[in-house]
Amino acid sequence: MNFPDNHRINGDVREFSKNPELIPEFDVLLAGFPCQPFSLAGVSKKNALGRPHGFLCDTQGTLFFDTAQIIAHHRPAAFVLENVKNLESHDQGRTFATIMNVLQNELGYHVQHRVISSEPWVPQKRERVFIVGFREPSKFDFGGIKLPPAKSGPKLGTILQPHDEVDPKYTLTPRLWEYLQAYKEKHQAKGNGFGYSLFGPDDVARTLSARYYKDGSEVLIDQPGKRPRRLTPLECARLMGFDRGDRRFRIEVSDTQAYRQFGNAVVVPVVEFVAEAMKPHIAAALSESREYPVASGPAFAVTCPVSPLAALHG
């Protein structure tokens, strides 16, 4: 398979935050708590449906605190957290302030954050905030790292399959295409930007989301003289950096599951870039921690909200 040396999958993180001692000792924690409660699209949808978002979404929004509990117990040398760009401004900045307060003041980590777009690496504009923390002071300067220029990044044509390799099932049906056009026209008349987006080989796609399996409207590929089509799962793998020249990626699940998983994933080369920048500083931190071991355990505690409202208002 794709990750022959991968660790086993253990399940719901909430069960391990209750019993963090069940997790073997580790040096670096990598985590991405659910983005839907904080993303622009997720917040808009939840508002429209009258549903809570952010920390008020008690099924997804509070999973950050479970992650923090694990950090508190194990005290890893470093961590990297990832989420949507909108996390910084959600609830007028209060959500992000709560997160930073937990990481810096309650857990005592030295924390930096930065928004990075995926355009230098893949033909997709996917902006994500990366939060990096070191247990001890380090010389790591997240803001000082020079990013590759976005304008030199690849275009969609580099990840699209040849026409004769694309199954006709990915072309929109007449009924769906008519619906998407009518939906876009209706919202354009109201002055908003909801609706499908059409792209060609010289373009950079908008953000791929987990809802792509529904109709593919966020990234439709133009087929001159024909109805547009969805991206194939393989093209989504390439769009997220999983499948590229030096790395083939096998897809062993249904199209629906593949679209969901790729839409929820991180862009591989972006994470590799952040990891490479951190690597010497992690090595230095680990060398120091072996000389002066840090005991894990309940010395640090996370103030978990009794209710979602407590996370916002104290």
C-alpha atoms as a PDB file:
ATOM      1  CA  MET A   1       0.000   0.000   0.000  1.00  0.00           C
ATOM      2  CA  ASN A   2       0.952   3.676   0.124  1.00  0.00           C
ATOM      3  CA  PHE A   3       2.464   3.678   3.630  1.00  0.00           C
ATOM      4  CA  PRO A   4       3.959   0.236   4.383  1.00  0.00           C
ATOM      5  CA  ASP A   5       5.737   1.532   7.502  1.00  0.00           C
ATOM      6  CA  ASN A   6       2.799   3.537   8.803  1.00  0.00           C
ATOM      7  CA  HIS A   7       1.697   3.304  12.416  1.00  0.00           C
ATOM      8  CA  ARG A   8      -1.549   1.566  13.197  1.00  0.00           C
ATOM      9  CA  ILE A   9      -4.772   3.549  13.276  1.00  0.00           C
ATOM     10  CA  ASN A  10      -6.136   3.661  16.809  1.00  0.00           C
ATOM     11  CA  GLY A  11      -9.444   5.478  16.404  1.00  0.00           C
ATOM     12  CA  ASP A  12     -11.189   8.384  18.110  1.00  0.00           C
ATOM     13  CA  VAL A  13      -8.739  10.916  19.576  1.00  0.00           C
ATOM     14  CA  ARG A  14     -11.233  11.743  22.338  1.00  0.00           C
ATOM     15  CA  GLU A  15     -10.713   8.330  23.905  1.00  0.00           C
ATOM     16  CA  PHE A  16      -6.965   8.925  24.030  1.00  0.00           C
ATOM     17  CA  SER A  17      -7.247  12.427  25.454  1.00  0.00           C
ATOM     18  CA  LYS A  18      -9.081  10.843  28.393  1.00  0.00           C
ATOM     19  CA  ASN A  19      -6.271   8.294  28.788  1.00  0.00           C
ATOM     20  CA  PRO A  20      -3.186   9.880  27.182  1.00  0.00           C
ATOM     21  CA  GLU A  21      -0.895   7.384  28.898  1.00  0.00           C
ATOM     22  CA  LEU A  22      -2.134   4.813  26.359  1.00  0.00           C
ATOM     23  CA  ILE A  23      -0.174   6.669  23.669  1.00  0.00           C
ATOM     24  CA  PRO A  24       3.499   5.582  23.471  1.00  0.00           C
ATOM     25  CA  GLU A  25       6.101   8.277  24.090  1.00  0.00           C
ATOM     26  CA  PHE A  26       6.835  10.435  21.037  1.00  0.00           C
ATOM     27  CA  ASP A  27       9.007  13.406  20.074  1.00  0.00           C
ATOM     28  CA  VAL A  28       6.828  15.447  17.697  1.00  0.00           C
ATOM     29  CA  LEU A  29       3.047  15.760  17.470  1.00  0.00           C
ATOM     30  CA  LEU A  30       1.396  16.497  14.119  1.00  0.00           C
ATOM     31  CA  ALA A  31      -2.320  17.232  14.172  1.00  0.00           C
ATOM     32  CA  GLY A  32      -5.121  18.869  12.277  1.00  0.00           C
ATOM     33  CA  PHE A  33      -8.362  19.267  14.178  1.00  0.00           C
ATOM     34  CA  PRO A  34     -11.560  19.482  12.062  1.00  0.00           C
ATOM     35  CA  CYS A  35     -11.681  22.642   9.987  1.00  0.00           C
ATOM     36  CA  GLN A  36     -15.392  22.696   9.099  1.00  0.00           C
ATOM     37  CA  PRO A  37     -16.473  24.563  12.271  1.00  0.00           C
ATOM     38  CA  PHE A  38     -14.034  27.376  11.378  1.00  0.00           C
ATOM     39  CA  SER A  39     -13.895  27.511   7.566  1.00  0.00           C
ATOM     40  CA  LEU A  40     -15.684  30.270   5.655  1.00  0.00           C
ATOM     41  CA  ALA A  41     -17.814  27.729   3.807  1.00  0.00           C
ATOM     42  CA  GLY A  42     -18.549  25.749   6.957  1.00  0.00           C
ATOM     43  CA  VAL A  43     -19.497  28.814   8.981  1.00  0.00           C
ATOM     44  CA  SER A  44     -21.730  30.139   6.187  1.00  0.00           C
ATOM     45  CA  LYS A  45     -23.515  26.805   5.880  1.00  0.00           C
ATOM     46  CA  LYS A  46     -23.979  26.390   9.624  1.00  0.00           C
ATOM     47  CA  ASN A  47     -25.271  29.957   9.918  1.00  0.00           C
ATOM     48  CA  ALA A  48     -27.751  29.326   7.108  1.00  0.00           C
ATOM     49  CA  LEU A  49     -28.986  26.180   8.851  1.00  0.00           C
ATOM     50  CA  GLY A  50     -29.015  27.779  12.298  1.00  0.00           C
ATOM     51  CA  ARG A  51     -26.332  25.408  13.566  1.00  0.00           C
ATOM     52  CA  PRO A  52     -23.457  26.255  15.938  1.00  0.00           C
ATOM     53  CA  HIS A  53     -19.911  26.642  14.612  1.00  0.00           C
ATOM     54  CA  GLY A  54     -16.417  27.080  16.019  1.00  0.00           C
ATOM     55  CA  PHE A  55     -16.075  25.964  19.647  1.00  0.00           C
ATOM     56  CA  LEU A  56     -19.881  25.955  19.838  1.00  0.00           C
ATOM     57  CA  CYS A  57     -19.878  22.908  17.540  1.00  0.00           C
ATOM     58  CA  ASP A  58     -19.421  20.316  20.268  1.00  0.00           C
ATOM     59  CA  THR A  59     -18.956  17.398  17.855  1.00  0.00           C
ATOM     60  CA  GLN A  60     -15.996  18.929  15.981  1.00  0.00           C
ATOM     61  CA  GLY A  61     -15.081  22.351  17.318  1.00  0.00           C
ATOM     62  CA  THR A  62     -13.760  21.198  20.684  1.00  0.00           C
ATOM     63  CA  LEU A  63     -11.348  18.543  19.386  1.00  0.00           C
ATOM     64  CA  PHE A  64      -8.525  21.066  19.727  1.00  0.00           C
ATOM     65  CA  PHE A  65      -8.767  20.622  23.502  1.00  0.00           C
ATOM     66  CA  ASP A  66      -8.361  16.857  23.120  1.00  0.00           C
ATOM     67  CA  THR A  67      -5.181  17.464  21.144  1.00  0.00           C
ATOM     68  CA  ALA A  68      -3.972  19.898  23.807  1.00  0.00           C
ATOM     69  CA  GLN A  69      -4.572  17.305  26.547  1.00  0.00           C
ATOM     70  CA  ILE A  70      -2.255  14.898  24.755  1.00  0.00           C
ATOM     71  CA  ILE A  71       0.408  17.603  24.415  1.00  0.00           C
ATOM     72  CA  ALA A  72       0.011  18.441  28.109  1.00  0.00           C
ATOM     73  CA  HIS A  73       0.582  14.830  29.157  1.00  0.00           C
ATOM     74  CA  HIS A  74       3.449  13.871  26.850  1.00  0.00           C
ATOM     75  CA  ARG A  75       5.256  17.218  26.541  1.00  0.00           C
ATOM     76  CA  PRO A  76       6.711  16.527  23.065  1.00  0.00           C
ATOM     77  CA  ALA A  77       9.732  18.536  21.952  1.00  0.00           C
ATOM     78  CA  ALA A  78       7.661  20.141  19.195  1.00  0.00           C
ATOM     79  CA  PHE A  79       4.274  20.120  17.521  1.00  0.00           C
ATOM     80  CA  VAL A  80       2.691  21.258  14.262  1.00  0.00           C
ATOM     81  CA  LEU A  81      -1.028  22.008  14.055  1.00  0.00           C
ATOM     82  CA  GLU A  82      -2.866  22.833  10.822  1.00  0.00           C
ATOM     83  CA  ASN A  83      -6.227  24.406  10.081  1.00  0.00           C
ATOM     84  CA  VAL A  84      -8.045  26.746   7.709  1.00  0.00           C
ATOM     85  CA  LYS A  85      -6.922  30.351   7.298  1.00  0.00           C
ATOM     86  CA  ASN A  86     -10.249  31.542   8.715  1.00  0.00           C
ATOM     87  CA  LEU A  87      -9.289  30.108  12.112  1.00  0.00           C
ATOM     88  CA  GLU A  88      -7.338  33.334  12.746  1.00  0.00           C
ATOM     89  CA  SER A  89     -10.372  35.583  12.308  1.00  0.00           C
ATOM     90  CA  HIS A  90     -13.189  33.277  13.450  1.00  0.00           C
ATOM     91  CA  ASP A  91     -15.456  34.929  16.044  1.00  0.00           C
ATOM     92  CA  GLN A  92     -13.527  38.198  15.671  1.00  0.00           C
ATOM     93  CA  GLY A  93     -10.268  36.509  16.627  1.00  0.00           C
ATOM     94  CA  ARG A  94     -11.471  35.102  19.944  1.00  0.00           C
ATOM     95  CA  THR A  95     -11.226  31.475  18.821  1.00  0.00           C
ATOM     96  CA  PHE A  96      -7.591  31.847  17.796  1.00  0.00           C
ATOM     97  CA  ALA A  97      -6.781  33.794  20.960  1.00  0.00           C
ATOM     98  CA  THR A  98      -8.161  30.909  23.031  1.00  0.00           C
ATOM     99  CA  ILE A  99      -6.018  28.404  21.142  1.00  0.00           C
ATOM    100  CA  MET A 100      -2.869  30.488  21.538  1.00  0.00           C
ATOM    101  CA  ASN A 101      -3.586  31.044  25.228  1.00  0.00           C
ATOM    102  CA  VAL A 102      -3.805  27.293  25.822  1.00  0.00           C
ATOM    103  CA  LEU A 103      -0.629  26.517  23.883  1.00  0.00           C
ATOM    104  CA  GLN A 104       1.485  29.386  25.187  1.00  0.00           C
ATOM    105  CA  ASN A 105       0.231  30.204  28.659  1.00  0.00           C
ATOM    106  CA  GLU A 106      -1.263  26.938  29.905  1.00  0.00           C
ATOM    107  CA  LEU A 107       1.166  24.535  28.219  1.00  0.00           C
ATOM    108  CA  GLY A 108       4.187  26.841  28.189  1.00  0.00           C
ATOM    109  CA  TYR A 109       5.223  26.270  24.572  1.00  0.00           C
ATOM    110  CA  HIS A 110       7.015  28.790  22.365  1.00  0.00           C
ATOM    111  CA  VAL A 111       4.505  29.175  19.551  1.00  0.00           C
ATOM    112  CA  GLN A 112       4.572  30.767  16.096  1.00  0.00           C
ATOM    113  CA  HIS A 113       2.050  30.626  13.286  1.00  0.00           C
ATOM    114  CA  ARG A 114       1.932  31.420   9.604  1.00  0.00           C
ATOM    115  CA  VAL A 115      -0.553  31.184   6.739  1.00  0.00           C
ATOM    116  CA  ILE A 116       0.877  29.311   3.754  1.00  0.00           C
ATOM    117  CA  SER A 117      -0.815  28.834   0.390  1.00  0.00           C
ATOM    118  CA  SER A 118      -0.185  25.693  -1.646  1.00  0.00           C
ATOM    119  CA  GLU A 119       0.213  27.464  -5.020  1.00  0.00           C
ATOM    120  CA  PRO A 120       4.032  27.196  -5.195  1.00  0.00           C
ATOM    121  CA  TRP A 121       3.764  23.393  -5.050  1.00  0.00           C
ATOM    122  CA  VAL A 122       0.428  22.345  -6.577  1.00  0.00           C
ATOM    123  CA  PRO A 123      -2.093  24.024  -8.934  1.00  0.00           C
ATOM    124  CA  GLN A 124      -4.521  24.795  -6.122  1.00  0.00           C
ATOM    125  CA  LYS A 125      -5.035  27.879  -3.968  1.00  0.00           C
ATOM    126  CA  ARG A 126      -5.348  26.292  -0.550  1.00  0.00           C
ATOM    127  CA  GLU A 127      -4.459  28.655   2.297  1.00  0.00           C
ATOM    128  CA  ARG A 128      -3.869  27.043   5.663  1.00  0.00           C
ATOM    129  CA  VAL A 129      -2.574  28.292   8.990  1.00  0.00           C
ATOM    130  CA  PHE A 130       0.264  26.251  10.482  1.00  0.00           C
ATOM    131  CA  ILE A 131       0.876  26.580  14.221  1.00  0.00           C
ATOM    132  CA  VAL A 132       4.351  25.478  15.304  1.00  0.00           C
ATOM    133  CA  GLY A 133       5.361  25.056  18.929  1.00  0.00           C
ATOM    134  CA  PHE A 134       8.633  24.157  20.646  1.00  0.00           C
ATOM    135  CA  ARG A 135       8.764  23.100  24.276  1.00  0.00           C
ATOM    136  CA  GLU A 136      12.044  24.960  24.830  1.00  0.00           C
ATOM    137  CA  PRO A 137      13.239  28.247  23.296  1.00  0.00           C
ATOM    138  CA  SER A 138      14.622  27.732  19.783  1.00  0.00           C
ATOM    139  CA  LYS A 139      16.073  29.741  16.922  1.00  0.00           C
ATOM    140  CA  PHE A 140      13.281  28.650  14.609  1.00  0.00           C
ATOM    141  CA  ASP A 141      11.864  31.709  12.805  1.00  0.00           C
ATOM    142  CA  PHE A 142       8.682  30.737  10.997  1.00  0.00           C
ATOM    143  CA  GLY A 143       8.045  34.193   9.564  1.00  0.00           C
ATOM    144  CA  GLY A 144      11.587  34.457   8.233  1.00  0.00           C
ATOM    145  CA  ILE A 145      11.392  31.340   6.071  1.00  0.00           C
ATOM    146  CA  LYS A 146      11.353  32.266   2.392  1.00  0.00           C
ATOM    147  CA  LEU A 147       8.562  30.591   0.432  1.00  0.00           C
ATOM    148  CA  PRO A 148       8.857  29.663  -3.246  1.00  0.00           C
ATOM    149  CA  PRO A 149       7.068  32.226  -5.480  1.00  0.00           C
ATOM    150  CA  ALA A 150       3.455  31.297  -6.206  1.00  0.00           C
ATOM    151  CA  LYS A 151       3.689  32.571  -9.784  1.00  0.00           C
ATOM    152  CA  SER A 152       6.237  29.875 -10.619  1.00  0.00           C
ATOM    153  CA  GLY A 153       3.970  27.097  -9.384  1.00  0.00           C
ATOM    154  CA  PRO A 154       2.428  24.445 -11.648  1.00  0.00           C
ATOM    155  CA  LYS A 155      -0.842  24.811 -13.556  1.00  0.00           C
ATOM    156  CA  LEU A 156      -3.771  22.398 -13.747  1.00  0.00           C
ATOM    157  CA  GLY A 157      -2.601  20.932 -17.030  1.00  0.00           C
ATOM    158  CA  THR A 158       0.267  19.268 -15.181  1.00  0.00           C
ATOM    159  CA  ILE A 159      -2.052  17.094 -13.100  1.00  0.00           C
ATOM    160  CA  LEU A 160      -4.891  16.390 -15.558  1.00  0.00           C
ATOM    161  CA  GLN A 161      -5.162  12.941 -17.093  1.00  0.00           C
ATOM    162  CA  PRO A 162      -5.237  12.594 -20.902  1.00  0.00           C
ATOM    163  CA  HIS A 163      -8.769  12.786 -22.301  1.00  0.00           C
ATOM    164  CA  ASP A 164      -8.754   9.131 -23.362  1.00  0.00           C
ATOM    165  CA  GLU A 165      -7.975   8.055 -19.770  1.00  0.00           C
ATOM    166  CA  VAL A 166     -10.940   9.860 -18.215  1.00  0.00           C
ATOM    167  CA  ASP A 167     -14.077   7.764 -17.769  1.00  0.00           C
ATOM    168  CA  PRO A 168     -17.191   9.446 -19.260  1.00  0.00           C
ATOM    169  CA  LYS A 169     -18.886   9.069 -15.853  1.00  0.00           C
ATOM    170  CA  TYR A 170     -16.943  12.118 -14.634  1.00  0.00           C
ATOM    171  CA  THR A 171     -18.673  14.363 -17.193  1.00  0.00           C
ATOM    172  CA  LEU A 172     -21.680  16.099 -15.643  1.00  0.00           C
ATOM    173  CA  THR A 173     -25.106  14.837 -16.619  1.00  0.00           C
ATOM    174  CA  PRO A 174     -27.323  17.268 -18.559  1.00  0.00           C
ATOM    175  CA  ARG A 175     -29.618  17.600 -15.554  1.00  0.00           C
ATOM    176  CA  LEU A 176     -26.830  18.392 -13.079  1.00  0.00           C
ATOM    177  CA  TRP A 177     -25.185  20.875 -15.461  1.00  0.00           C
ATOM    178  CA  GLU A 178     -28.498  22.690 -15.982  1.00  0.00           C
ATOM    179  CA  TYR A 179     -29.055  22.820 -12.223  1.00  0.00           C
ATOM    180  CA  LEU A 180     -25.586  24.232 -11.514  1.00  0.00           C
ATOM    181  CA  GLN A 181     -25.977  26.918 -14.176  1.00  0.00           C
ATOM    182  CA  ALA A 182     -29.385  27.950 -12.831  1.00  0.00           C
ATOM    183  CA  TYR A 183     -28.064  27.970  -9.263  1.00  0.00           C
ATOM    184  CA  LYS A 184     -25.174  30.241 -10.199  1.00  0.00           C
ATOM    185  CA  GLU A 185     -27.409  32.613 -12.167  1.00  0.00           C
ATOM    186  CA  LYS A 186     -29.795  32.886  -9.217  1.00  0.00           C
ATOM    187  CA  HIS A 187     -27.022  33.823  -6.813  1.00  0.00           C
ATOM    188  CA  GLN A 188     -25.334  36.188  -9.264  1.00  0.00           C
ATOM    189  CA  ALA A 189     -28.626  38.064  -9.476  1.00  0.00           C
ATOM    190  CA  LYS A 190     -28.489  38.442  -5.690  1.00  0.00           C
ATOM    191  CA  GLY A 191     -24.961  39.802  -5.881  1.00  0.00           C
ATOM    192  CA  ASN A 192     -23.048  36.935  -4.274  1.00  0.00           C
ATOM    193  CA  GLY A 193     -20.447  34.550  -5.623  1.00  0.00           C
ATOM    194  CA  PHE A 194     -22.037  31.181  -4.935  1.00  0.00           C
ATOM    195  CA  GLY A 195     -21.935  28.680  -7.755  1.00  0.00           C
ATOM    196  CA  TYR A 196     -19.711  26.447  -9.839  1.00  0.00           C
ATOM    197  CA  SER A 197     -16.189  27.341 -10.972  1.00  0.00           C
ATOM    198  CA  LEU A 198     -14.807  26.325 -14.360  1.00  0.00           C
ATOM    199  CA  PHE A 199     -11.075  25.793 -14.949  1.00  0.00           C
ATOM    200  CA  GLY A 200      -8.754  25.034 -17.851  1.00  0.00           C
ATOM    201  CA  PRO A 201      -5.231  23.607 -18.120  1.00  0.00           C
ATOM    202  CA  ASP A 202      -3.563  27.011 -17.635  1.00  0.00           C
ATOM    203  CA  ASP A 203      -5.445  27.807 -14.424  1.00  0.00           C
ATOM    204  CA  VAL A 204      -4.928  27.251 -10.705  1.00  0.00           C
ATOM    205  CA  ALA A 205      -7.895  25.601  -8.979  1.00  0.00           C
ATOM    206  CA  ARG A 206      -9.707  26.900  -5.953  1.00  0.00           C
ATOM    207  CA  THR A 207      -9.654  24.901  -2.707  1.00  0.00           C
ATOM    208  CA  LEU A 208     -10.724  21.264  -2.940  1.00  0.00           C
ATOM    209  CA  SER A 209     -13.126  20.430  -0.100  1.00  0.00           C
ATOM    210  CA  ALA A 210     -14.545  17.258   1.413  1.00  0.00           C
ATOM    211  CA  ARG A 211     -17.903  18.002  -0.225  1.00  0.00           C
ATOM    212  CA  TYR A 212     -16.439  17.560  -3.699  1.00  0.00           C
ATOM    213  CA  TYR A 213     -18.116  14.173  -4.005  1.00  0.00           C
ATOM    214  CA  LYS A 214     -21.549  15.824  -4.083  1.00  0.00           C
ATOM    215  CA  ASP A 215     -21.417  17.636  -7.428  1.00  0.00           C
ATOM    216  CA  GLY A 216     -17.817  18.735  -7.987  1.00  0.00           C
ATOM    217  CA  SER A 217     -18.983  22.291  -8.560  1.00  0.00           C
ATOM    218  CA  GLU A 218     -16.054  23.988  -6.808  1.00  0.00           C
ATOM    219  CA  VAL A 219     -13.578  22.689  -9.410  1.00  0.00           C
ATOM    220  CA  LEU A 220     -15.052  21.745 -12.784  1.00  0.00           C
ATOM    221  CA  ILE A 221     -12.802  21.043 -15.755  1.00  0.00           C
ATOM    222  CA  ASP A 222     -13.787  22.749 -18.994  1.00  0.00           C
ATOM    223  CA  GLN A 223     -14.298  20.412 -21.951  1.00  0.00           C
ATOM    224  CA  PRO A 224     -14.770  22.592 -25.067  1.00  0.00           C
ATOM    225  CA  GLY A 225     -17.816  21.465 -27.001  1.00  0.00           C
ATOM    226  CA  LYS A 226     -18.955  19.237 -24.129  1.00  0.00           C
ATOM    227  CA  ARG A 227     -20.339  19.565 -20.632  1.00  0.00           C
ATOM    228  CA  PRO A 228     -17.653  20.076 -17.977  1.00  0.00           C
ATOM    229  CA  ARG A 229     -16.419  17.236 -15.809  1.00  0.00           C
ATOM    230  CA  ARG A 230     -15.286  16.594 -12.266  1.00  0.00           C
ATOM    231  CA  LEU A 231     -11.699  15.918 -11.374  1.00  0.00           C
ATOM    232  CA  THR A 232     -10.983  12.203 -11.158  1.00  0.00           C
ATOM    233  CA  PRO A 233      -9.804  10.782  -7.812  1.00  0.00           C
ATOM    234  CA  LEU A 234      -6.297  10.389  -9.274  1.00  0.00           C
ATOM    235  CA  GLU A 235      -6.293  14.052 -10.285  1.00  0.00           C
ATOM    236  CA  CYS A 236      -7.372  14.961  -6.745  1.00  0.00           C
ATOM    237  CA  ALA A 237      -4.458  12.908  -5.406  1.00  0.00           C
ATOM    238  CA  ARG A 238      -2.148  14.905  -7.646  1.00  0.00           C
ATOM    239  CA  LEU A 239      -3.812  18.187  -6.694  1.00  0.00           C
ATOM    240  CA  MET A 240      -3.031  17.436  -3.037  1.00  0.00           C
ATOM    241  CA  GLY A 241       0.531  16.310  -3.778  1.00  0.00           C
ATOM    242  CA  PHE A 242       0.008  12.632  -2.946  1.00  0.00           C
ATOM    243  CA  ASP A 243       0.660  11.368  -6.469  1.00  0.00           C
ATOM    244  CA  ARG A 244       3.554  12.920  -8.374  1.00  0.00           C
ATOM    245  CA  GLY A 245       6.510  11.969 -10.540  1.00  0.00           C
ATOM    246  CA  ASP A 246       8.541  10.371  -7.772  1.00  0.00           C
ATOM    247  CA  ARG A 247       5.599   8.956  -5.862  1.00  0.00           C
ATOM    248  CA  ARG A 248       2.705   6.836  -7.137  1.00  0.00           C
ATOM    249  CA  PHE A 249      -0.403   6.715  -4.979  1.00  0.00           C
ATOM    250  CA  ARG A 250      -2.832   3.799  -4.968  1.00  0.00           C
ATOM    251  CA  ILE A 251      -6.510   4.564  -4.379  1.00  0.00           C
ATOM    252  CA  GLU A 252      -8.250   1.532  -2.865  1.00  0.00           C
ATOM    253  CA  VAL A 253     -11.558   3.144  -1.861  1.00  0.00           C
ATOM    254  CA  SER A 254     -14.697   4.312  -3.660  1.00  0.00           C
ATOM    255  CA  ASP A 255     -14.759   7.631  -5.507  1.00  0.00           C
ATOM    256  CA  THR A 256     -16.946   9.122  -2.772  1.00  0.00           C
ATOM    257  CA  GLN A 257     -14.515   8.164  -0.022  1.00  0.00           C
ATOM    258  CA  ALA A 258     -11.518   9.255  -2.091  1.00  0.00           C
ATOM    259  CA  TYR A 259     -13.030  12.704  -2.683  1.00  0.00           C
ATOM    260  CA  ARG A 260     -13.821  13.063   1.015  1.00  0.00           C
ATOM    261  CA  GLN A 261     -10.363  11.986   2.114  1.00  0.00           C
ATOM    262  CA  PHE A 262      -8.465  14.171  -0.339  1.00  0.00           C
ATOM    263  CA  GLY A 263     -10.716  17.145   0.445  1.00  0.00           C
ATOM    264  CA  ASN A 264      -9.933  16.752   4.152  1.00  0.00           C
ATOM    265  CA  ALA A 265      -6.203  16.198   3.635  1.00  0.00           C
ATOM    266  CA  VAL A 266      -3.183  18.474   3.832  1.00  0.00           C
ATOM    267  CA  VAL A 267      -1.099  19.279   0.758  1.00  0.00           C
ATOM    268  CA  VAL A 268       1.852  16.921   1.105  1.00  0.00           C
ATOM    269  CA  PRO A 269       4.675  19.139  -0.252  1.00  0.00           C
ATOM    270  CA  VAL A 270       3.565  22.052   1.945  1.00  0.00           C
ATOM    271  CA  VAL A 271       3.855  19.907   5.071  1.00  0.00           C
ATOM    272  CA  GLU A 272       7.192  18.572   3.821  1.00  0.00           C
ATOM    273  CA  PHE A 273       8.400  22.166   3.408  1.00  0.00           C
ATOM    274  CA  VAL A 274       7.422  23.075   6.975  1.00  0.00           C
ATOM    275  CA  ALA A 275       8.947  19.850   8.324  1.00  0.00           C
ATOM    276  CA  GLU A 276      12.260  20.433   6.531  1.00  0.00           C
ATOM    277  CA  ALA A 277      12.430  23.962   7.944  1.00  0.00           C
ATOM    278  CA  MET A 278      11.822  22.623  11.461  1.00  0.00           C
ATOM    279  CA  LYS A 279      14.100  19.589  11.153  1.00  0.00           C
ATOM    280  CA  PRO A 280      17.399  21.044  12.464  1.00  0.00           C
ATOM    281  CA  HIS A 281      15.604  22.784  15.326  1.00  0.00           C
ATOM    282  CA  ILE A 282      13.799  19.572  16.284  1.00  0.00           C
ATOM    283  CA  ALA A 283      17.120  17.714  16.219  1.00  0.00           C
ATOM    284  CA  ALA A 284      18.638  20.322  18.525  1.00  0.00           C
ATOM    285  CA  ALA A 285      15.644  20.148  20.861  1.00  0.00           C
ATOM    286  CA  LEU A 286      15.804  16.349  21.024  1.00  0.00           C
ATOM    287  CA  SER A 287      19.520  16.423  21.725  1.00  0.00           C
ATOM    288  CA  GLU A 288      18.935  18.782  24.629  1.00  0.00           C
ATOM    289  CA  SER A 289      15.975  16.803  25.963  1.00  0.00           C
ATOM    290  CA  ARG A 290      18.048  13.607  26.062  1.00  0.00           C
ATOM    291  CA  GLU A 291      20.608  15.445  28.142  1.00  0.00           C
ATOM    292  CA  TYR A 292      17.933  16.930  30.399  1.00  0.00           C
ATOM    293  CA  PRO A 293      14.927  14.556  30.238  1.00  0.00           C
ATOM    294  CA  VAL A 294      11.431  15.970  30.616  1.00  0.00           C
ATOM    295  CA  ALA A 295       9.025  13.773  32.521  1.00  0.00           C
ATOM    296  CA  SER A 296       5.574  13.250  31.047  1.00  0.00           C
ATOM    297  CA  GLY A 297       2.516  13.324  33.218  1.00  0.00           C
ATOM    298  CA  PRO A 298      -0.069  15.673  34.680  1.00  0.00           C
ATOM    299  CA  ALA A 299       2.319  18.542  35.549  1.00  0.00           C
ATOM    300  CA  PHE A 300       0.546  20.661  32.937  1.00  0.00           C
ATOM    301  CA  ALA A 301      -3.210  20.795  32.530  1.00  0.00           C
ATOM    302  CA  VAL A 302      -5.517  22.162  29.885  1.00  0.00           C
ATOM    303  CA  THR A 303      -8.532  24.186  30.895  1.00  0.00           C
ATOM    304  CA  CYS A 304     -11.211  22.389  28.926  1.00  0.00           C
ATOM    305  CA  PRO A 305     -14.521  24.224  28.719  1.00  0.00           C
ATOM    306  CA  VAL A 306     -17.389  22.684  30.647  1.00  0.00           C
ATOM    307  CA  SER A 307     -19.570  23.888  27.782  1.00  0.00           C
ATOM    308  CA  PRO A 308     -18.668  25.260  24.349  1.00  0.00           C
ATOM    309  CA  LEU A 309     -19.715  28.736  25.461  1.00  0.00           C
ATOM    310  CA  ALA A 310     -17.089  28.668  28.194  1.00  0.00           C
ATOM    311  CA  ALA A 311     -14.374  28.374  25.571  1.00  0.00           C
ATOM    312  CA  LEU A 312     -15.473  31.653  24.071  1.00  0.00           C
ATOM    313  CA  HIS A 313     -16.399  33.721  27.070  1.00  0.00           C
ATOM    314  CA  GLY A 314     -14.437  32.190  29.951  1.00  0.00           C
END
